[in-house]
Amino acid sequence: MADRVPAQARDYLVGLGPLWSSVRKRLEGNGLSPTGVIVVDLDYQAAETLSGLLGRTVSQGRSRIRLAELDAALRSSVIGHGLITVVAELTGGPLVDRKAASRAREVSRIDLWAFWERAVAESGLDAAPWVPTWRDGLRRTGLLIRVGDEAETVIRHAMAVLRTLARSVPLADRTPGAVADAVPVESAFELAELASAACGDAHALDAGQVTAAVVLRALAAATGTPSPTTAAARRELWSAVGVSPDAVSGTLLTWAVRPPGDDSWSA
């Protein structure tokens, strides 16, 4: 694209300075359509340059420029290209249709939630009374949106985890609070075992993993408890549905334990 505007004409247009960045912003927000008006502040030289391009007098200072007029003037000049081409070359790269990008993101979100709804139905949980709370929490936090292309995989894994848990804990017909109020469930799984069985990855439900966060939000909705924000709360919630969260680490009270060394932590 760099050679589409003749060098001499390019040197002439560069003299318009900030005009092109304003035009670019308007075009990108306008569906790449050269319509509407921009308002720019022009110094004496820029006003003279634009006057020559448009074939009419443009005053120094704040001026209103119609993009259609500017587009037509460029096309009929020795430049022979419209605003899209010229602005892309003078401002460093192709323009982005932000309206189209926004529509694409919206379609992507709709498709994602349609996929989520189908996955819930296939898991047999669509009639569970806590599912709307779970869904609303995921929508509100944008958890699935933020993982982008991995979202469908996360959803599939989360549903597989819940289906596996449902074999020992009747999640489908739980009313919020039922698990929390029940006698603690006997452990049926180790966390890594559950992750391997449902996700094919022993670390898929580790703290910090998106799949773990999605599943824990489901369990919190089912138990009528807040979504866990601490390691202790996560362990408690896993235990409430028969999952032993970690056979290695946990909360342990100690006395007179002093690590060796002279650093401040040891002291």
Protein backbone atom coordinates (compact mmCIF):
# COMPACT_ATOMS: atom_id res chain seq x y z
CA MET A 1 0.00 0.00 0.00
CA ALA A 2 2.94 2.33 0.62
CA ASP A 3 3.40 3.07 -3.09
CA ARG A 4 -0.25 3.71 -3.98
CA VAL A 5 -0.02 7.42 -3.16
CA PRO A 6 2.58 9.17 -5.33
CA ALA A 7 5.59 10.40 -3.35
CA GLN A 8 5.07 14.05 -4.27
CA ALA A 9 1.40 13.93 -3.35
CA ARG A 10 2.25 12.13 -0.13
CA ASP A 11 4.61 14.93 0.90
CA TYR A 12 1.79 17.40 0.19
CA LEU A 13 -0.78 15.48 2.24
CA VAL A 14 1.53 14.97 5.21
CA GLY A 15 1.35 18.72 5.70
CA LEU A 16 -2.23 18.27 6.93
CA GLY A 17 -0.85 16.62 10.06
CA PRO A 18 -3.49 15.78 12.70
CA LEU A 19 -6.33 15.89 10.17
CA TRP A 20 -5.62 12.30 9.14
CA SER A 21 -5.74 10.84 12.65
CA SER A 22 -9.13 12.52 13.17
CA VAL A 23 -10.36 11.15 9.84
CA ARG A 24 -9.12 7.66 10.74
CA LYS A 25 -10.96 7.70 14.07
CA ARG A 26 -14.18 8.79 12.38
CA LEU A 27 -13.91 6.21 9.61
CA GLU A 28 -13.20 3.33 12.00
CA GLY A 29 -16.21 4.27 14.10
CA ASN A 30 -18.38 4.83 11.04
CA GLY A 31 -18.14 1.41 9.40
CA LEU A 32 -15.36 2.67 7.10
CA SER A 33 -17.89 4.89 5.34
CA PRO A 34 -16.62 8.34 4.23
CA THR A 35 -19.64 10.17 5.60
CA GLY A 36 -20.22 12.67 8.35
CA VAL A 37 -18.18 15.63 9.53
CA ILE A 38 -15.00 16.07 11.55
CA VAL A 39 -13.94 19.22 13.36
CA VAL A 40 -10.20 19.98 13.35
CA ASP A 41 -7.90 22.83 14.32
CA LEU A 42 -5.77 23.90 11.37
CA ASP A 43 -2.72 26.13 11.41
CA TYR A 44 -2.07 28.50 8.51
CA GLN A 45 -0.07 25.99 6.43
CA ALA A 46 -2.58 23.16 6.94
CA ALA A 47 -5.46 25.47 5.98
CA GLU A 48 -3.61 26.45 2.79
CA THR A 49 -2.88 22.82 1.94
CA LEU A 50 -6.48 21.75 2.48
CA SER A 51 -7.74 24.72 0.45
CA GLY A 52 -5.63 23.54 -2.47
CA LEU A 53 -6.90 19.98 -2.16
CA LEU A 54 -10.59 20.89 -1.84
CA GLY A 55 -10.50 23.73 -4.36
CA ARG A 56 -12.10 26.18 -1.94
CA THR A 57 -10.94 28.46 0.83
CA VAL A 58 -10.52 26.81 4.21
CA SER A 59 -9.92 29.20 7.09
CA GLN A 60 -7.20 28.84 9.69
CA GLY A 61 -8.43 27.66 13.12
CA ARG A 62 -11.31 25.34 13.86
CA SER A 63 -12.87 23.96 10.68
CA ARG A 64 -15.64 21.49 9.84
CA ILE A 65 -14.65 19.07 7.07
CA ARG A 66 -17.12 16.78 5.33
CA LEU A 67 -15.57 13.37 4.73
CA ALA A 68 -17.53 12.89 1.49
CA GLU A 69 -16.05 16.09 0.10
CA LEU A 70 -12.54 15.09 1.14
CA ASP A 71 -12.99 11.60 -0.35
CA ALA A 72 -14.21 13.04 -3.66
CA ALA A 73 -11.34 15.54 -3.78
CA LEU A 74 -8.73 12.80 -3.29
CA ARG A 75 -10.26 10.58 -5.95
CA SER A 76 -10.41 13.36 -8.55
CA SER A 77 -6.85 14.51 -7.86
CA VAL A 78 -3.56 13.03 -9.09
CA ILE A 79 -3.73 10.77 -6.03
CA GLY A 80 -6.59 8.81 -7.54
CA HIS A 81 -7.51 6.97 -4.33
CA GLY A 82 -10.20 7.49 -1.73
CA LEU A 83 -9.98 8.21 1.98
CA ILE A 84 -9.65 4.59 3.11
CA THR A 85 -6.48 4.02 1.08
CA VAL A 86 -4.94 7.42 1.78
CA VAL A 87 -5.62 7.40 5.53
CA ALA A 88 -4.30 3.85 5.91
CA GLU A 89 -1.06 4.84 4.21
CA LEU A 90 -0.59 8.12 6.07
CA THR A 91 -1.43 6.75 9.52
CA GLY A 92 0.54 3.52 9.53
CA GLY A 93 -1.70 0.64 8.52
CA PRO A 94 -5.10 -0.75 7.48
CA LEU A 95 -8.19 0.67 9.12
CA VAL A 96 -10.35 -1.44 11.43
CA ASP A 97 -14.11 -1.48 11.03
CA ARG A 98 -14.93 -1.15 14.72
CA LYS A 99 -18.67 -1.43 14.12
CA ALA A 100 -18.20 -4.76 12.34
CA ALA A 101 -15.76 -5.92 15.02
CA SER A 102 -18.29 -5.03 17.72
CA ARG A 103 -21.05 -6.91 15.89
CA ALA A 104 -18.75 -9.92 15.50
CA ARG A 105 -17.99 -9.91 19.22
CA GLU A 106 -21.71 -9.72 20.00
CA VAL A 107 -22.44 -12.65 17.67
CA SER A 108 -19.59 -14.56 19.29
CA ARG A 109 -21.09 -13.93 22.75
CA ILE A 110 -24.52 -15.07 21.57
CA ASP A 111 -23.01 -18.21 20.05
CA LEU A 112 -21.05 -18.88 23.25
CA TRP A 113 -24.13 -18.71 25.46
CA ALA A 114 -26.12 -20.81 23.01
CA PHE A 115 -23.34 -23.41 23.29
CA TRP A 116 -23.47 -23.10 27.08
CA GLU A 117 -27.24 -23.64 27.13
CA ARG A 118 -26.92 -26.75 24.94
CA ALA A 119 -24.15 -28.12 27.15
CA VAL A 120 -26.27 -27.59 30.28
CA ALA A 121 -29.21 -29.38 28.67
CA GLU A 122 -27.00 -32.28 27.56
CA SER A 123 -25.60 -32.59 31.08
CA GLY A 124 -29.12 -33.05 32.46
CA LEU A 125 -28.83 -29.97 34.68
CA ASP A 126 -31.07 -27.57 32.75
CA ALA A 127 -33.96 -28.03 35.19
CA ALA A 128 -31.84 -27.56 38.31
CA PRO A 129 -33.16 -24.50 40.19
CA TRP A 130 -29.68 -23.12 40.85
CA VAL A 131 -28.56 -23.03 37.21
CA PRO A 132 -29.91 -19.50 36.50
CA THR A 133 -27.87 -18.17 39.44
CA TRP A 134 -24.79 -19.92 38.09
CA ARG A 135 -25.39 -18.57 34.57
CA ASP A 136 -25.97 -15.01 35.77
CA GLY A 137 -22.77 -15.09 37.82
CA LEU A 138 -20.75 -16.26 34.82
CA ARG A 139 -22.28 -13.56 32.63
CA ARG A 140 -21.69 -10.86 35.22
CA THR A 141 -18.04 -11.71 35.74
CA GLY A 142 -17.29 -12.28 32.04
CA LEU A 143 -15.28 -15.34 33.04
CA LEU A 144 -16.05 -17.31 29.88
CA ILE A 145 -15.72 -14.30 27.57
CA ARG A 146 -12.22 -13.55 28.84
CA VAL A 147 -10.83 -16.97 27.91
CA GLY A 148 -11.70 -16.41 24.25
CA ASP A 149 -11.21 -19.43 22.01
CA GLU A 150 -10.82 -21.72 25.03
CA ALA A 151 -14.35 -21.02 26.29
CA GLU A 152 -16.04 -24.00 24.63
CA THR A 153 -13.40 -26.37 25.97
CA VAL A 154 -13.85 -24.92 29.46
CA ILE A 155 -17.62 -25.39 29.20
CA ARG A 156 -17.30 -29.00 28.03
CA HIS A 157 -14.87 -29.81 30.84
CA ALA A 158 -17.01 -28.08 33.47
CA MET A 159 -20.10 -30.02 32.39
CA ALA A 160 -18.12 -33.27 32.42
CA VAL A 161 -17.01 -32.55 35.98
CA LEU A 162 -20.57 -31.83 37.09
CA ARG A 163 -21.87 -34.98 35.38
CA THR A 164 -19.20 -37.03 37.14
CA LEU A 165 -20.05 -35.47 40.51
CA ALA A 166 -23.75 -36.05 39.93
CA ARG A 167 -23.17 -39.80 40.17
CA SER A 168 -22.57 -39.41 43.90
CA VAL A 169 -24.25 -36.06 44.66
CA PRO A 170 -27.71 -35.43 43.14
CA LEU A 171 -26.90 -31.96 41.79
CA ALA A 172 -29.70 -31.90 39.23
CA ASP A 173 -32.47 -31.73 41.83
CA ARG A 174 -30.66 -29.73 44.50
CA THR A 175 -32.35 -26.65 45.80
CA PRO A 176 -29.94 -23.86 46.76
CA GLY A 177 -28.58 -24.52 50.21
CA ALA A 178 -29.31 -28.24 50.21
CA VAL A 179 -25.70 -29.34 50.01
CA ALA A 180 -24.56 -26.78 52.54
CA ASP A 181 -27.20 -27.92 55.04
CA ALA A 182 -26.67 -31.64 54.50
CA VAL A 183 -24.44 -33.99 56.44
CA PRO A 184 -20.95 -33.78 54.90
CA VAL A 185 -20.65 -36.05 51.89
CA GLU A 186 -18.21 -38.93 52.12
CA SER A 187 -15.27 -38.34 49.80
CA ALA A 188 -15.80 -40.06 46.46
CA PHE A 189 -12.95 -38.44 44.52
CA GLU A 190 -9.55 -36.93 44.91
CA LEU A 191 -9.48 -33.58 43.08
CA ALA A 192 -6.76 -34.68 40.65
CA GLU A 193 -8.62 -37.95 40.05
CA LEU A 194 -11.82 -36.05 39.23
CA ALA A 195 -9.93 -33.70 36.90
CA SER A 196 -8.31 -36.62 35.08
CA ALA A 197 -11.57 -38.52 34.71
CA ALA A 198 -13.64 -35.56 33.50
CA CYS A 199 -11.10 -33.38 31.70
CA GLY A 200 -8.24 -35.65 30.78
CA ASP A 201 -5.89 -33.40 32.73
CA ALA A 202 -5.03 -33.96 36.40
CA HIS A 203 -4.42 -30.21 36.86
CA ALA A 204 -7.57 -28.92 35.15
CA LEU A 205 -9.23 -28.23 38.52
CA ASP A 206 -6.20 -26.72 40.24
CA ALA A 207 -6.62 -23.33 41.90
CA GLY A 208 -6.35 -20.61 39.26
CA GLN A 209 -7.68 -22.74 36.41
CA VAL A 210 -10.74 -21.32 34.63
CA THR A 211 -12.50 -24.69 34.59
CA ALA A 212 -12.12 -24.92 38.35
CA ALA A 213 -13.57 -21.42 38.78
CA VAL A 214 -16.56 -22.25 36.56
CA VAL A 215 -17.28 -25.51 38.42
CA LEU A 216 -16.89 -23.88 41.84
CA ARG A 217 -19.37 -21.19 40.82
CA ALA A 218 -21.82 -23.95 39.92
CA LEU A 219 -21.31 -25.67 43.28
CA ALA A 220 -21.64 -22.37 45.13
CA ALA A 221 -24.94 -21.71 43.34
CA ALA A 222 -26.12 -25.23 44.18
CA THR A 223 -25.21 -24.85 47.85
CA GLY A 224 -26.51 -21.33 48.21
CA THR A 225 -23.11 -20.09 49.36
CA PRO A 226 -20.96 -17.24 48.03
CA SER A 227 -18.48 -18.10 45.31
CA PRO A 228 -15.29 -19.04 47.20
CA THR A 229 -12.48 -16.48 47.18
CA THR A 230 -9.98 -18.17 49.51
CA ALA A 231 -8.17 -21.50 49.43
CA ALA A 232 -9.94 -22.58 52.60
CA ALA A 233 -13.38 -21.76 51.14
CA ARG A 234 -12.55 -23.67 47.96
CA ARG A 235 -11.47 -26.73 49.94
CA GLU A 236 -14.64 -26.57 52.03
CA LEU A 237 -16.84 -26.37 48.96
CA TRP A 238 -15.11 -29.28 47.22
CA SER A 239 -15.43 -31.34 50.40
CA ALA A 240 -19.16 -30.54 50.60
CA VAL A 241 -19.74 -32.44 47.36
CA GLY A 242 -17.49 -35.40 48.12
CA VAL A 243 -14.21 -34.22 46.62
CA SER A 244 -11.02 -34.41 48.63
CA PRO A 245 -9.33 -31.24 47.35
CA ASP A 246 -5.71 -31.94 48.18
CA ALA A 247 -4.06 -34.87 49.89
CA VAL A 248 -0.84 -32.90 50.35
CA SER A 249 -1.53 -29.35 51.48
CA GLY A 250 -4.01 -27.80 53.86
CA THR A 251 -4.37 -25.58 56.91
CA LEU A 252 -2.14 -26.73 59.78
CA LEU A 253 -1.52 -25.10 63.15
CA THR A 254 2.12 -25.13 64.24
CA TRP A 255 4.12 -24.02 67.26
CA ALA A 256 7.77 -23.05 67.58
CA VAL A 257 8.57 -23.80 63.95
CA ARG A 258 11.50 -21.67 62.93
CA PRO A 259 13.23 -22.06 59.54
CA PRO A 260 17.01 -21.86 59.50
CA GLY A 261 18.74 -18.70 58.34
CA ASP A 262 19.33 -15.10 59.33
CA ASP A 263 16.88 -13.44 56.92
CA SER A 264 13.97 -11.39 58.26
CA TRP A 265 11.37 -14.13 57.57
CA SER A 266 13.37 -16.74 59.49
CA ALA A 267 13.96 -14.31 62.36
